[in-house]
Amino acid sequence: MTLNSAEVPGQLRVVRVLRNGKRWFDPVEKERLIDACLEPGVSVAGLALAHGINANQLRKWVKLRQDRKASEKALLAMGRCAPSAFVPVVETAPMARRPAPPARPPAARVRVTASLPNGVRLELDDADAQVLSAMIEALGRCSVPAG
């Protein structure tokens, strides 16, 4: 397809201008101009100049068209072999459970209360030996100012 002045006039028709100066062009004329750019041997910059469009803008329109066509082809290809949205549920034999760990005798539980020099009071209710030793160790790391 060759673009002549009968197909697209010298300037693309502007259908809307925003406050910031952005122009919206007639979509039919714009598509014809993009089609003309995709023809072999056509100068995109020359067409842009002849029709009052920035060459970078025209290249962007052409790229957007090419990207849209490529994504449509990819969607069609995926549609032919699209995987199911559902995952089949397969019943298996029940798994053997691990034996329960041997029961330990319950450790003695205690209540710890500590008053720190800065006025903070810590209370630990129903603690086992491991928690108690961790708390004593943490309190032992505190530096107590000599008074």
Protein backbone atom coordinates (compact mmCIF):
# COMPACT_ATOMS: atom_id res chain seq x y z
CA MET A 1 0.00 0.00 0.00
CA THR A 2 1.39 3.36 -0.90
CA LEU A 3 0.24 6.49 0.78
CA ASN A 4 -0.88 9.27 -1.47
CA SER A 5 -2.42 12.60 -0.65
CA ALA A 6 -5.93 11.26 -1.38
CA GLU A 7 -5.69 8.66 1.39
CA VAL A 8 -4.32 10.92 4.14
CA PRO A 9 -4.35 14.66 3.69
CA GLY A 10 -1.21 16.75 4.35
CA GLN A 11 -1.94 17.15 8.06
CA LEU A 12 -3.65 14.58 10.25
CA ARG A 13 -7.00 15.85 11.43
CA VAL A 14 -6.94 16.77 15.13
CA VAL A 15 -10.14 15.75 16.88
CA ARG A 16 -9.30 17.01 20.37
CA VAL A 17 -6.70 19.19 22.09
CA LEU A 18 -6.15 18.96 25.83
CA ARG A 19 -5.19 21.86 28.09
CA ASN A 20 -1.60 20.64 28.23
CA GLY A 21 -1.37 20.77 24.42
CA LYS A 22 -1.69 17.04 23.78
CA ARG A 23 -3.47 16.40 20.51
CA TRP A 24 -5.79 13.50 19.69
CA PHE A 25 -5.88 12.58 16.01
CA ASP A 26 -8.58 11.02 13.88
CA PRO A 27 -8.16 7.27 14.54
CA VAL A 28 -8.93 6.23 10.95
CA GLU A 29 -6.33 8.59 9.47
CA LYS A 30 -3.84 7.60 12.15
CA GLU A 31 -4.27 3.88 11.34
CA ARG A 32 -3.80 4.59 7.63
CA LEU A 33 -0.60 6.47 8.35
CA ILE A 34 0.68 3.59 10.52
CA ASP A 35 -0.20 1.11 7.76
CA ALA A 36 1.78 3.23 5.31
CA CYS A 37 4.78 3.24 7.64
CA LEU A 38 4.79 -0.56 7.71
CA GLU A 39 5.21 -0.78 3.95
CA PRO A 40 8.71 -1.75 2.79
CA GLY A 41 10.96 1.10 1.69
CA VAL A 42 8.89 3.85 3.34
CA SER A 43 10.62 6.55 5.35
CA VAL A 44 8.84 6.98 8.67
CA ALA A 45 10.57 10.31 9.23
CA GLY A 46 9.52 11.50 5.76
CA LEU A 47 5.88 10.53 6.34
CA ALA A 48 5.92 12.20 9.74
CA LEU A 49 7.30 15.40 8.24
CA ALA A 50 4.78 15.35 5.40
CA HIS A 51 1.85 14.92 7.79
CA GLY A 52 2.85 17.29 10.57
CA ILE A 53 3.64 14.63 13.17
CA ASN A 54 6.76 14.26 15.27
CA ALA A 55 8.81 11.37 13.85
CA ASN A 56 9.39 9.89 17.32
CA GLN A 57 5.65 9.90 17.98
CA LEU A 58 4.96 8.15 14.68
CA ARG A 59 7.65 5.52 15.44
CA LYS A 60 6.01 4.97 18.84
CA TRP A 61 2.61 4.41 17.20
CA VAL A 62 4.18 1.90 14.80
CA LYS A 63 5.91 0.06 17.67
CA LEU A 64 2.70 -0.05 19.70
CA ARG A 65 0.89 -1.55 16.69
CA GLN A 66 3.63 -4.17 16.22
CA ASP A 67 3.61 -5.04 19.94
CA ARG A 68 -0.17 -5.35 19.93
CA LYS A 69 -0.07 -7.70 16.92
CA ALA A 70 2.66 -9.80 18.56
CA SER A 71 0.69 -10.13 21.80
CA GLU A 72 -2.44 -11.08 19.86
CA LYS A 73 -0.47 -13.83 18.09
CA ALA A 74 0.89 -15.06 21.42
CA LEU A 75 -2.61 -15.15 22.92
CA LEU A 76 -3.91 -17.09 19.93
CA ALA A 77 -1.05 -19.56 20.23
CA MET A 78 -1.73 -19.96 23.94
CA GLY A 79 -5.44 -20.39 23.26
CA ARG A 80 -4.77 -23.43 21.11
CA CYS A 81 -2.95 -25.30 23.84
CA ALA A 82 -4.11 -23.48 26.95
CA PRO A 83 -3.76 -25.51 30.11
CA SER A 84 -6.84 -26.17 32.14
CA ALA A 85 -7.62 -23.76 34.94
CA PHE A 86 -8.39 -26.73 37.17
CA VAL A 87 -5.87 -29.03 38.76
CA PRO A 88 -6.94 -32.66 39.01
CA VAL A 89 -7.16 -34.06 42.52
CA VAL A 90 -5.59 -37.47 42.87
CA GLU A 91 -6.32 -39.66 45.87
CA THR A 92 -3.26 -41.30 47.37
CA ALA A 93 -2.71 -43.89 50.04
CA PRO A 94 -2.64 -42.46 53.55
CA MET A 95 0.83 -41.52 54.70
CA ALA A 96 2.32 -43.31 57.65
CA ARG A 97 2.62 -41.03 60.66
CA ARG A 98 5.80 -40.68 62.61
CA PRO A 99 5.71 -42.25 66.01
CA ALA A 100 5.02 -39.79 68.78
CA PRO A 101 8.09 -38.71 70.75
CA PRO A 102 8.40 -40.39 74.10
CA ALA A 103 6.50 -38.54 76.77
CA ARG A 104 8.70 -36.71 79.24
CA PRO A 105 7.61 -36.12 82.74
CA PRO A 106 6.33 -32.57 83.07
CA ALA A 107 8.96 -30.20 84.38
CA ALA A 108 8.29 -28.34 87.56
CA ARG A 109 6.80 -24.92 86.89
CA VAL A 110 7.78 -21.86 88.91
CA ARG A 111 6.97 -18.19 89.26
CA VAL A 112 9.81 -15.65 89.00
CA THR A 113 9.61 -11.99 89.90
CA ALA A 114 12.54 -9.62 89.43
CA SER A 115 12.79 -5.92 90.30
CA LEU A 116 15.45 -4.03 88.37
CA PRO A 117 17.31 -0.97 89.68
CA ASN A 118 15.60 1.30 87.13
CA GLY A 119 12.19 0.44 88.62
CA VAL A 120 11.14 -2.11 86.00
CA ARG A 121 9.51 -5.21 87.44
CA LEU A 122 9.55 -8.49 85.51
CA GLU A 123 7.16 -11.32 86.28
CA LEU A 124 7.31 -14.74 84.73
CA ASP A 125 4.49 -17.11 85.63
CA ASP A 126 4.45 -20.85 85.13
CA ALA A 127 7.94 -21.04 83.60
CA ASP A 128 9.89 -24.23 83.07
CA ALA A 129 13.58 -24.68 83.87
CA GLN A 130 14.76 -23.73 80.36
CA VAL A 131 12.89 -20.42 80.33
CA LEU A 132 14.01 -19.69 83.87
CA SER A 133 17.69 -20.23 83.07
CA ALA A 134 17.39 -18.00 79.96
CA MET A 135 15.86 -15.22 82.04
CA ILE A 136 18.52 -15.48 84.76
CA GLU A 137 21.23 -15.37 82.11
CA ALA A 138 19.68 -12.28 80.49
CA LEU A 139 19.35 -10.53 83.85
CA GLY A 140 22.96 -11.41 84.66
CA ARG A 141 24.12 -9.53 81.54
CA CYS A 142 22.57 -6.31 82.78
CA SER A 143 25.06 -3.91 84.24
CA VAL A 144 23.98 -2.68 87.63
CA PRO A 145 25.28 0.76 88.52
CA ALA A 146 27.15 0.93 91.82
CA GLY A 147 25.10 2.92 94.19
